Full PDB file with SEQRES, HELIX, SHEET, SSBOND, CRYST1, ORIGX, SCALE, CONECT and MASTER records, all heavy atoms in Angstrom:
SEQRES   1 A   34  ALA GLY LEU PRO ASP PRO GLU LEU VAL ILE ARG THR SER          
SEQRES   2 A   34  GLY GLU MET ARG LEU SER ASN TYR LEU LEU TRP GLN VAL          
SEQRES   3 A   34  ALA TYR ALA GLU PHE TYR ILE THR                              
SHEET    1 AA1 2 LEU A   8  ARG A  11  0                                        
SHEET    2 AA1 2 GLU A  30  ILE A  33  1                                        
CRYST1    1.000    1.000    1.000  90.00  90.00  90.00 P 1           1          
ORIGX1      1.000000  0.000000  0.000000        0.00000                         
ORIGX2      0.000000  1.000000  0.000000        0.00000                         
ORIGX3      0.000000  0.000000  1.000000        0.00000                         
SCALE1      1.000000  0.000000  0.000000        0.00000                         
SCALE2      0.000000  1.000000  0.000000        0.00000                         
SCALE3      0.000000  0.000000  1.000000        0.00000                         
ATOM      1  N   ALA A   1     -50.956  49.222  34.852  1.00  0.00           N  
ATOM      2  CA  ALA A   1     -52.203  49.770  34.435  1.00  0.00           C  
ATOM      3  C   ALA A   1     -52.013  50.860  33.409  1.00  0.00           C  
ATOM      4  O   ALA A   1     -51.175  51.769  33.574  1.00  0.00           O  
ATOM      5  CB  ALA A   1     -52.967  50.376  35.626  1.00  0.00           C  
ATOM      6  N   GLY A   2     -52.778  50.774  32.292  1.00  0.00           N  
ATOM      7  CA  GLY A   2     -52.630  51.740  31.186  1.00  0.00           C  
ATOM      8  C   GLY A   2     -51.679  51.399  30.190  1.00  0.00           C  
ATOM      9  O   GLY A   2     -51.612  52.044  29.101  1.00  0.00           O  
ATOM     10  N   LEU A   3     -50.864  50.361  30.391  1.00  0.00           N  
ATOM     11  CA  LEU A   3     -49.851  49.913  29.427  1.00  0.00           C  
ATOM     12  C   LEU A   3     -50.381  48.675  28.677  1.00  0.00           C  
ATOM     13  O   LEU A   3     -51.019  47.832  29.285  1.00  0.00           O  
ATOM     14  CB  LEU A   3     -48.501  49.614  30.056  1.00  0.00           C  
ATOM     15  CG  LEU A   3     -47.823  50.759  30.848  1.00  0.00           C  
ATOM     16  CD1 LEU A   3     -46.569  50.238  31.449  1.00  0.00           C  
ATOM     17  CD2 LEU A   3     -47.566  51.953  29.944  1.00  0.00           C  
ATOM     18  N   PRO A   4     -50.006  48.512  27.401  1.00  0.00           N  
ATOM     19  CA  PRO A   4     -50.367  47.247  26.748  1.00  0.00           C  
ATOM     20  C   PRO A   4     -49.594  46.102  27.334  1.00  0.00           C  
ATOM     21  O   PRO A   4     -48.426  46.274  27.807  1.00  0.00           O  
ATOM     22  CB  PRO A   4     -49.918  47.510  25.252  1.00  0.00           C  
ATOM     23  CG  PRO A   4     -48.873  48.554  25.377  1.00  0.00           C  
ATOM     24  CD  PRO A   4     -49.264  49.434  26.511  1.00  0.00           C  
ATOM     25  N   ASP A   5     -50.168  44.917  27.304  1.00  0.00           N  
ATOM     26  CA  ASP A   5     -49.448  43.735  27.783  1.00  0.00           C  
ATOM     27  C   ASP A   5     -48.249  43.410  26.836  1.00  0.00           C  
ATOM     28  O   ASP A   5     -48.279  43.699  25.658  1.00  0.00           O  
ATOM     29  CB  ASP A   5     -50.367  42.520  27.784  1.00  0.00           C  
ATOM     30  CG  ASP A   5     -51.371  42.576  28.959  1.00  0.00           C  
ATOM     31  OD1 ASP A   5     -51.155  43.315  29.908  1.00  0.00           O  
ATOM     32  OD2 ASP A   5     -52.399  41.879  28.814  1.00  0.00           O  
ATOM     33  N   PRO A   6     -47.181  42.834  27.398  1.00  0.00           N  
ATOM     34  CA  PRO A   6     -46.046  42.402  26.560  1.00  0.00           C  
ATOM     35  C   PRO A   6     -46.461  41.463  25.447  1.00  0.00           C  
ATOM     36  O   PRO A   6     -47.288  40.545  25.707  1.00  0.00           O  
ATOM     37  CB  PRO A   6     -45.083  41.743  27.538  1.00  0.00           C  
ATOM     38  CG  PRO A   6     -45.463  42.292  28.881  1.00  0.00           C  
ATOM     39  CD  PRO A   6     -46.935  42.478  28.837  1.00  0.00           C  
ATOM     40  N   GLU A   7     -45.992  41.713  24.271  1.00  0.00           N  
ATOM     41  CA  GLU A   7     -46.223  40.773  23.207  1.00  0.00           C  
ATOM     42  C   GLU A   7     -45.004  39.826  23.010  1.00  0.00           C  
ATOM     43  O   GLU A   7     -45.130  38.670  22.603  1.00  0.00           O  
ATOM     44  CB  GLU A   7     -46.448  41.510  21.890  1.00  0.00           C  
ATOM     45  CG  GLU A   7     -47.727  42.321  21.845  1.00  0.00           C  
ATOM     46  CD  GLU A   7     -47.941  43.051  20.514  1.00  0.00           C  
ATOM     47  OE1 GLU A   7     -47.419  44.189  20.378  1.00  0.00           O  
ATOM     48  OE2 GLU A   7     -48.536  42.433  19.595  1.00  0.00           O  
ATOM     49  N   LEU A   8     -43.849  40.383  23.317  1.00  0.00           N  
ATOM     50  CA  LEU A   8     -42.631  39.569  23.229  1.00  0.00           C  
ATOM     51  C   LEU A   8     -41.824  39.700  24.532  1.00  0.00           C  
ATOM     52  O   LEU A   8     -41.514  40.789  24.985  1.00  0.00           O  
ATOM     53  CB  LEU A   8     -41.747  40.114  22.094  1.00  0.00           C  
ATOM     54  CG  LEU A   8     -40.329  39.514  21.943  1.00  0.00           C  
ATOM     55  CD1 LEU A   8     -40.370  38.045  21.661  1.00  0.00           C  
ATOM     56  CD2 LEU A   8     -39.577  40.235  20.807  1.00  0.00           C  
ATOM     57  N   VAL A   9     -41.513  38.538  25.150  1.00  0.00           N  
ATOM     58  CA  VAL A   9     -40.710  38.468  26.315  1.00  0.00           C  
ATOM     59  C   VAL A   9     -39.395  37.829  25.986  1.00  0.00           C  
ATOM     60  O   VAL A   9     -39.337  36.644  25.451  1.00  0.00           O  
ATOM     61  CB  VAL A   9     -41.373  37.660  27.465  1.00  0.00           C  
ATOM     62  CG1 VAL A   9     -40.441  37.531  28.660  1.00  0.00           C  
ATOM     63  CG2 VAL A   9     -42.703  38.331  27.876  1.00  0.00           C  
ATOM     64  N   ILE A  10     -38.284  38.507  26.232  1.00  0.00           N  
ATOM     65  CA  ILE A  10     -36.942  37.967  25.915  1.00  0.00           C  
ATOM     66  C   ILE A  10     -36.211  37.624  27.196  1.00  0.00           C  
ATOM     67  O   ILE A  10     -36.192  38.465  28.207  1.00  0.00           O  
ATOM     68  CB  ILE A  10     -36.133  39.064  25.155  1.00  0.00           C  
ATOM     69  CG1 ILE A  10     -36.819  39.389  23.824  1.00  0.00           C  
ATOM     70  CG2 ILE A  10     -34.692  38.560  24.955  1.00  0.00           C  
ATOM     71  CD1 ILE A  10     -36.156  40.665  23.125  1.00  0.00           C  
ATOM     72  N   ARG A  11     -35.740  36.421  27.351  1.00  0.00           N  
ATOM     73  CA  ARG A  11     -34.927  36.080  28.503  1.00  0.00           C  
ATOM     74  C   ARG A  11     -33.589  35.589  28.067  1.00  0.00           C  
ATOM     75  O   ARG A  11     -33.447  34.721  27.205  1.00  0.00           O  
ATOM     76  CB  ARG A  11     -35.559  34.943  29.312  1.00  0.00           C  
ATOM     77  CG  ARG A  11     -34.725  34.580  30.514  1.00  0.00           C  
ATOM     78  CD  ARG A  11     -35.474  34.018  31.686  1.00  0.00           C  
ATOM     79  NE  ARG A  11     -34.590  34.008  32.847  1.00  0.00           N  
ATOM     80  CZ  ARG A  11     -34.999  33.819  34.094  1.00  0.00           C  
ATOM     81  NH1 ARG A  11     -36.256  33.720  34.375  1.00  0.00           N  
ATOM     82  NH2 ARG A  11     -34.100  33.828  35.092  1.00  0.00           N  
ATOM     83  N   THR A  12     -32.596  36.246  28.597  1.00  0.00           N  
ATOM     84  CA  THR A  12     -31.193  35.874  28.261  1.00  0.00           C  
ATOM     85  C   THR A  12     -30.658  34.798  29.205  1.00  0.00           C  
ATOM     86  O   THR A  12     -31.252  34.453  30.212  1.00  0.00           O  
ATOM     87  CB  THR A  12     -30.296  37.120  28.352  1.00  0.00           C  
ATOM     88  OG1 THR A  12     -30.408  37.756  29.658  1.00  0.00           O  
ATOM     89  CG2 THR A  12     -30.738  38.139  27.285  1.00  0.00           C  
ATOM     90  N   SER A  13     -29.494  34.286  28.836  1.00  0.00           N  
ATOM     91  CA  SER A  13     -28.689  33.312  29.592  1.00  0.00           C  
ATOM     92  C   SER A  13     -29.279  31.899  29.556  1.00  0.00           C  
ATOM     93  O   SER A  13     -28.832  31.022  30.287  1.00  0.00           O  
ATOM     94  CB  SER A  13     -28.487  33.790  31.063  1.00  0.00           C  
ATOM     95  OG  SER A  13     -29.540  33.386  31.897  1.00  0.00           O  
ATOM     96  N   GLY A  14     -30.345  31.641  28.737  1.00  0.00           N  
ATOM     97  CA  GLY A  14     -30.829  30.295  28.542  1.00  0.00           C  
ATOM     98  C   GLY A  14     -31.762  29.779  29.576  1.00  0.00           C  
ATOM     99  O   GLY A  14     -32.205  28.600  29.456  1.00  0.00           O  
ATOM    100  N   GLU A  15     -32.113  30.546  30.600  1.00  0.00           N  
ATOM    101  CA  GLU A  15     -33.039  30.091  31.644  1.00  0.00           C  
ATOM    102  C   GLU A  15     -34.426  30.014  31.059  1.00  0.00           C  
ATOM    103  O   GLU A  15     -34.897  30.846  30.301  1.00  0.00           O  
ATOM    104  CB  GLU A  15     -32.993  31.016  32.820  1.00  0.00           C  
ATOM    105  CG  GLU A  15     -31.630  31.109  33.467  1.00  0.00           C  
ATOM    106  CD  GLU A  15     -31.111  29.813  34.131  1.00  0.00           C  
ATOM    107  OE1 GLU A  15     -31.911  28.897  34.262  1.00  0.00           O  
ATOM    108  OE2 GLU A  15     -29.891  29.766  34.476  1.00  0.00           O  
ATOM    109  N   MET A  16     -35.191  28.936  31.524  1.00  0.00           N  
ATOM    110  CA  MET A  16     -36.483  28.699  30.973  1.00  0.00           C  
ATOM    111  C   MET A  16     -37.586  28.845  32.045  1.00  0.00           C  
ATOM    112  O   MET A  16     -38.406  27.993  32.252  1.00  0.00           O  
ATOM    113  CB  MET A  16     -36.499  27.271  30.415  1.00  0.00           C  
ATOM    114  CG  MET A  16     -35.428  26.920  29.442  1.00  0.00           C  
ATOM    115  SD  MET A  16     -35.758  27.675  27.779  1.00  0.00           S  
ATOM    116  CE  MET A  16     -37.006  26.592  27.156  1.00  0.00           C  
ATOM    117  N   ARG A  17     -37.559  30.013  32.688  1.00  0.00           N  
ATOM    118  CA  ARG A  17     -38.607  30.324  33.679  1.00  0.00           C  
ATOM    119  C   ARG A  17     -38.926  31.770  33.714  1.00  0.00           C  
ATOM    120  O   ARG A  17     -38.197  32.609  33.227  1.00  0.00           O  
ATOM    121  CB  ARG A  17     -38.128  29.816  35.051  1.00  0.00           C  
ATOM    122  CG  ARG A  17     -36.830  30.455  35.506  1.00  0.00           C  
ATOM    123  CD  ARG A  17     -36.422  29.929  36.905  1.00  0.00           C  
ATOM    124  NE  ARG A  17     -35.145  30.561  37.288  1.00  0.00           N  
ATOM    125  CZ  ARG A  17     -33.942  30.065  37.012  1.00  0.00           C  
ATOM    126  NH1 ARG A  17     -33.792  28.960  36.307  1.00  0.00           N  
ATOM    127  NH2 ARG A  17     -32.837  30.692  37.443  1.00  0.00           N  
ATOM    128  N   LEU A  18     -40.051  32.143  34.354  1.00  0.00           N  
ATOM    129  CA  LEU A  18     -40.496  33.499  34.445  1.00  0.00           C  
ATOM    130  C   LEU A  18     -39.935  34.211  35.681  1.00  0.00           C  
ATOM    131  O   LEU A  18     -39.938  35.459  35.715  1.00  0.00           O  
ATOM    132  CB  LEU A  18     -42.017  33.564  34.491  1.00  0.00           C  
ATOM    133  CG  LEU A  18     -42.702  33.527  33.130  1.00  0.00           C  
ATOM    134  CD1 LEU A  18     -44.218  33.449  33.295  1.00  0.00           C  
ATOM    135  CD2 LEU A  18     -42.377  34.798  32.324  1.00  0.00           C  
ATOM    136  N   SER A  19     -39.551  33.488  36.716  1.00  0.00           N  
ATOM    137  CA  SER A  19     -38.948  34.075  37.932  1.00  0.00           C  
ATOM    138  C   SER A  19     -39.880  35.114  38.560  1.00  0.00           C  
ATOM    139  O   SER A  19     -39.447  36.196  38.913  1.00  0.00           O  
ATOM    140  CB  SER A  19     -37.588  34.693  37.601  1.00  0.00           C  
ATOM    141  OG  SER A  19     -36.675  33.657  37.190  1.00  0.00           O  
ATOM    142  N   ASN A  20     -41.169  34.751  38.643  1.00  0.00           N  
ATOM    143  CA  ASN A  20     -42.133  35.611  39.309  1.00  0.00           C  
ATOM    144  C   ASN A  20     -42.220  37.004  38.654  1.00  0.00           C  
ATOM    145  O   ASN A  20     -42.344  38.052  39.348  1.00  0.00           O  
ATOM    146  CB  ASN A  20     -41.718  35.808  40.784  1.00  0.00           C  
ATOM    147  CG  ASN A  20     -42.873  36.324  41.651  1.00  0.00           C  
ATOM    148  OD1 ASN A  20     -44.035  36.253  41.324  1.00  0.00           O  
ATOM    149  ND2 ASN A  20     -42.489  36.895  42.824  1.00  0.00           N  
ATOM    150  N   TYR A  21     -42.294  36.999  37.317  1.00  0.00           N  
ATOM    151  CA  TYR A  21     -42.293  38.291  36.578  1.00  0.00           C  
ATOM    152  C   TYR A  21     -43.551  38.386  35.738  1.00  0.00           C  
ATOM    153  O   TYR A  21     -43.817  37.503  34.848  1.00  0.00           O  
ATOM    154  CB  TYR A  21     -41.046  38.269  35.704  1.00  0.00           C  
ATOM    155  CG  TYR A  21     -40.905  39.605  34.880  1.00  0.00           C  
ATOM    156  CD1 TYR A  21     -40.821  40.843  35.511  1.00  0.00           C  
ATOM    157  CD2 TYR A  21     -40.791  39.489  33.486  1.00  0.00           C  
ATOM    158  CE1 TYR A  21     -40.682  42.005  34.742  1.00  0.00           C  
ATOM    159  CE2 TYR A  21     -40.664  40.699  32.726  1.00  0.00           C  
ATOM    160  CZ  TYR A  21     -40.586  41.923  33.367  1.00  0.00           C  
ATOM    161  OH  TYR A  21     -40.428  43.056  32.645  1.00  0.00           O  
ATOM    162  N   LEU A  22     -44.335  39.421  35.927  1.00  0.00           N  
ATOM    163  CA  LEU A  22     -45.490  39.796  35.077  1.00  0.00           C  
ATOM    164  C   LEU A  22     -46.432  38.569  34.787  1.00  0.00           C  
ATOM    165  O   LEU A  22     -46.772  38.339  33.652  1.00  0.00           O  
ATOM    166  CB  LEU A  22     -44.994  40.378  33.755  1.00  0.00           C  
ATOM    167  CG  LEU A  22     -44.218  41.698  33.857  1.00  0.00           C  
ATOM    168  CD1 LEU A  22     -43.854  42.183  32.446  1.00  0.00           C  
ATOM    169  CD2 LEU A  22     -44.948  42.758  34.625  1.00  0.00           C  
ATOM    170  N   LEU A  23     -46.698  37.741  35.819  1.00  0.00           N  
ATOM    171  CA  LEU A  23     -47.450  36.540  35.626  1.00  0.00           C  
ATOM    172  C   LEU A  23     -48.836  36.789  34.973  1.00  0.00           C  
ATOM    173  O   LEU A  23     -49.256  35.984  34.163  1.00  0.00           O  
ATOM    174  CB  LEU A  23     -47.630  35.813  36.966  1.00  0.00           C  
ATOM    175  CG  LEU A  23     -46.343  35.387  37.667  1.00  0.00           C  
ATOM    176  CD1 LEU A  23     -46.703  34.718  38.986  1.00  0.00           C  
ATOM    177  CD2 LEU A  23     -45.515  34.449  36.787  1.00  0.00           C  
ATOM    178  N   TRP A  24     -49.449  37.843  35.310  1.00  0.00           N  
ATOM    179  CA  TRP A  24     -50.761  38.233  34.715  1.00  0.00           C  
ATOM    180  C   TRP A  24     -50.574  38.715  33.293  1.00  0.00           C  
ATOM    181  O   TRP A  24     -51.247  38.279  32.376  1.00  0.00           O  
ATOM    182  CB  TRP A  24     -51.440  39.280  35.580  1.00  0.00           C  
ATOM    183  CG  TRP A  24     -52.769  39.764  35.062  1.00  0.00           C  
ATOM    184  CD1 TRP A  24     -52.919  40.709  34.057  1.00  0.00           C  
ATOM    185  CD2 TRP A  24     -54.086  39.374  35.463  1.00  0.00           C  
ATOM    186  NE1 TRP A  24     -54.268  40.939  33.838  1.00  0.00           N  
ATOM    187  CE2 TRP A  24     -55.001  40.164  34.682  1.00  0.00           C  
ATOM    188  CE3 TRP A  24     -54.570  38.509  36.429  1.00  0.00           C  
ATOM    189  CZ2 TRP A  24     -56.374  40.016  34.835  1.00  0.00           C  
ATOM    190  CZ3 TRP A  24     -55.956  38.398  36.551  1.00  0.00           C  
ATOM    191  CH2 TRP A  24     -56.807  39.148  35.785  1.00  0.00           C  
ATOM    192  N   GLN A  25     -49.629  39.602  33.108  1.00  0.00           N  
ATOM    193  CA  GLN A  25     -49.500  40.386  31.882  1.00  0.00           C  
ATOM    194  C   GLN A  25     -48.989  39.551  30.666  1.00  0.00           C  
ATOM    195  O   GLN A  25     -49.244  39.878  29.533  1.00  0.00           O  
ATOM    196  CB  GLN A  25     -48.574  41.590  32.066  1.00  0.00           C  
ATOM    197  CG  GLN A  25     -49.100  42.588  33.083  1.00  0.00           C  
ATOM    198  CD  GLN A  25     -48.646  42.302  34.504  1.00  0.00           C  
ATOM    199  OE1 GLN A  25     -48.396  41.166  34.885  1.00  0.00           O  
ATOM    200  NE2 GLN A  25     -48.637  43.331  35.351  1.00  0.00           N  
ATOM    201  N   VAL A  26     -48.266  38.469  30.906  1.00  0.00           N  
ATOM    202  CA  VAL A  26     -47.626  37.713  29.818  1.00  0.00           C  
ATOM    203  C   VAL A  26     -48.498  36.530  29.414  1.00  0.00           C  
ATOM    204  O   VAL A  26     -48.050  35.612  28.725  1.00  0.00           O  
ATOM    205  CB  VAL A  26     -46.199  37.267  30.200  1.00  0.00           C  
ATOM    206  CG1 VAL A  26     -45.353  38.465  30.502  1.00  0.00           C  
ATOM    207  CG2 VAL A  26     -46.200  36.268  31.306  1.00  0.00           C  
ATOM    208  N   ALA A  27     -49.744  36.541  29.739  1.00  0.00           N  
ATOM    209  CA  ALA A  27     -50.669  35.356  29.440  1.00  0.00           C  
ATOM    210  C   ALA A  27     -50.603  34.986  28.000  1.00  0.00           C  
ATOM    211  O   ALA A  27     -50.673  33.783  27.646  1.00  0.00           O  
ATOM    212  CB  ALA A  27     -52.086  35.718  29.843  1.00  0.00           C  
ATOM    213  N   TYR A  28     -50.479  35.952  27.040  1.00  0.00           N  
ATOM    214  CA  TYR A  28     -50.420  35.632  25.639  1.00  0.00           C  
ATOM    215  C   TYR A  28     -49.176  36.140  24.923  1.00  0.00           C  
ATOM    216  O   TYR A  28     -49.121  36.372  23.762  1.00  0.00           O  
ATOM    217  CB  TYR A  28     -51.667  36.175  24.919  1.00  0.00           C  
ATOM    218  CG  TYR A  28     -52.909  35.338  25.144  1.00  0.00           C  
ATOM    219  CD1 TYR A  28     -53.857  35.631  26.091  1.00  0.00           C  
ATOM    220  CD2 TYR A  28     -53.049  34.095  24.529  1.00  0.00           C  
ATOM    221  CE1 TYR A  28     -54.947  34.841  26.328  1.00  0.00           C  
ATOM    222  CE2 TYR A  28     -54.114  33.274  24.693  1.00  0.00           C  
ATOM    223  CZ  TYR A  28     -55.057  33.639  25.638  1.00  0.00           C  
ATOM    224  OH  TYR A  28     -56.169  32.783  25.882  1.00  0.00           O  
ATOM    225  N   ALA A  29     -48.140  36.348  25.736  1.00  0.00           N  
ATOM    226  CA  ALA A  29     -46.855  36.816  25.153  1.00  0.00           C  
ATOM    227  C   ALA A  29     -46.154  35.671  24.463  1.00  0.00           C  
ATOM    228  O   ALA A  29     -46.293  34.468  24.781  1.00  0.00           O  
ATOM    229  CB  ALA A  29     -45.941  37.403  26.262  1.00  0.00           C  
ATOM    230  N   GLU A  30     -45.310  36.026  23.469  1.00  0.00           N  
ATOM    231  CA  GLU A  30     -44.406  35.067  22.840  1.00  0.00           C  
ATOM    232  C   GLU A  30     -43.100  35.177  23.587  1.00  0.00           C  
ATOM    233  O   GLU A  30     -42.616  36.215  23.931  1.00  0.00           O  
ATOM    234  CB  GLU A  30     -44.228  35.408  21.379  1.00  0.00           C  
ATOM    235  CG  GLU A  30     -45.476  35.321  20.542  1.00  0.00           C  
ATOM    236  CD  GLU A  30     -45.980  33.939  20.364  1.00  0.00           C  
ATOM    237  OE1 GLU A  30     -45.105  32.967  20.356  1.00  0.00           O  
ATOM    238  OE2 GLU A  30     -47.181  33.706  20.216  1.00  0.00           O  
ATOM    239  N   PHE A  31     -42.467  34.022  23.784  1.00  0.00           N  
ATOM    240  CA  PHE A  31     -41.202  33.942  24.521  1.00  0.00           C  
ATOM    241  C   PHE A  31     -40.032  33.686  23.569  1.00  0.00           C  
ATOM    242  O   PHE A  31     -40.122  32.871  22.695  1.00  0.00           O  
ATOM    243  CB  PHE A  31     -41.248  32.850  25.610  1.00  0.00           C  
ATOM    244  CG  PHE A  31     -42.120  33.214  26.741  1.00  0.00           C  
ATOM    245  CD1 PHE A  31     -43.514  33.017  26.675  1.00  0.00           C  
ATOM    246  CD2 PHE A  31     -41.637  33.801  27.901  1.00  0.00           C  
ATOM    247  CE1 PHE A  31     -44.351  33.342  27.694  1.00  0.00           C  
ATOM    248  CE2 PHE A  31     -42.483  34.173  28.936  1.00  0.00           C  
ATOM    249  CZ  PHE A  31     -43.810  33.919  28.831  1.00  0.00           C  
ATOM    250  N   TYR A  32     -38.940  34.353  23.839  1.00  0.00           N  
ATOM    251  CA  TYR A  32     -37.696  34.179  23.039  1.00  0.00           C  
ATOM    252  C   TYR A  32     -36.578  33.980  24.064  1.00  0.00           C  
ATOM    253  O   TYR A  32     -36.262  34.862  24.858  1.00  0.00           O  
ATOM    254  CB  TYR A  32     -37.427  35.416  22.165  1.00  0.00           C  
ATOM    255  CG  TYR A  32     -36.177  35.275  21.341  1.00  0.00           C  
ATOM    256  CD1 TYR A  32     -36.217  34.649  20.110  1.00  0.00           C  
ATOM    257  CD2 TYR A  32     -34.976  35.819  21.759  1.00  0.00           C  
ATOM    258  CE1 TYR A  32     -35.055  34.513  19.331  1.00  0.00           C  
ATOM    259  CE2 TYR A  32     -33.798  35.704  20.973  1.00  0.00           C  
ATOM    260  CZ  TYR A  32     -33.856  35.067  19.764  1.00  0.00           C  
ATOM    261  OH  TYR A  32     -32.726  34.934  19.018  1.00  0.00           O  
ATOM    262  N   ILE A  33     -36.001  32.798  24.067  1.00  0.00           N  
ATOM    263  CA  ILE A  33     -34.951  32.434  25.038  1.00  0.00           C  
ATOM    264  C   ILE A  33     -33.647  32.381  24.231  1.00  0.00           C  
ATOM    265  O   ILE A  33     -33.549  31.689  23.180  1.00  0.00           O  
ATOM    266  CB  ILE A  33     -35.221  31.067  25.686  1.00  0.00           C  
ATOM    267  CG1 ILE A  33     -36.654  31.058  26.228  1.00  0.00           C  
ATOM    268  CG2 ILE A  33     -34.159  30.813  26.733  1.00  0.00           C  
ATOM    269  CD1 ILE A  33     -36.906  32.069  27.343  1.00  0.00           C  
ATOM    270  N   THR A  34     -32.610  33.073  24.727  1.00  0.00           N  
ATOM    271  CA  THR A  34     -31.308  33.005  24.119  1.00  0.00           C  
ATOM    272  C   THR A  34     -30.267  32.615  25.155  1.00  0.00           C  
ATOM    273  O   THR A  34     -30.366  33.026  26.302  1.00  0.00           O  
ATOM    274  CB  THR A  34     -30.927  34.285  23.446  1.00  0.00           C  
ATOM    275  OG1 THR A  34     -29.590  34.310  22.998  1.00  0.00           O  
ATOM    276  CG2 THR A  34     -31.035  35.531  24.421  1.00  0.00           C  
TER     277      THR A  34                                                      
MASTER        0    0    0    0    2    0    0    6  276    1    0    3          
END                                                                             
């Protein structure tokens, strides 16, 4: 509450899932997987 939603979500190690993380807040985030 009071923080802007993430615009960029970075996930390392190549995994392609959110793992129960910020499900509401990342509705319009861009994802970068490395």
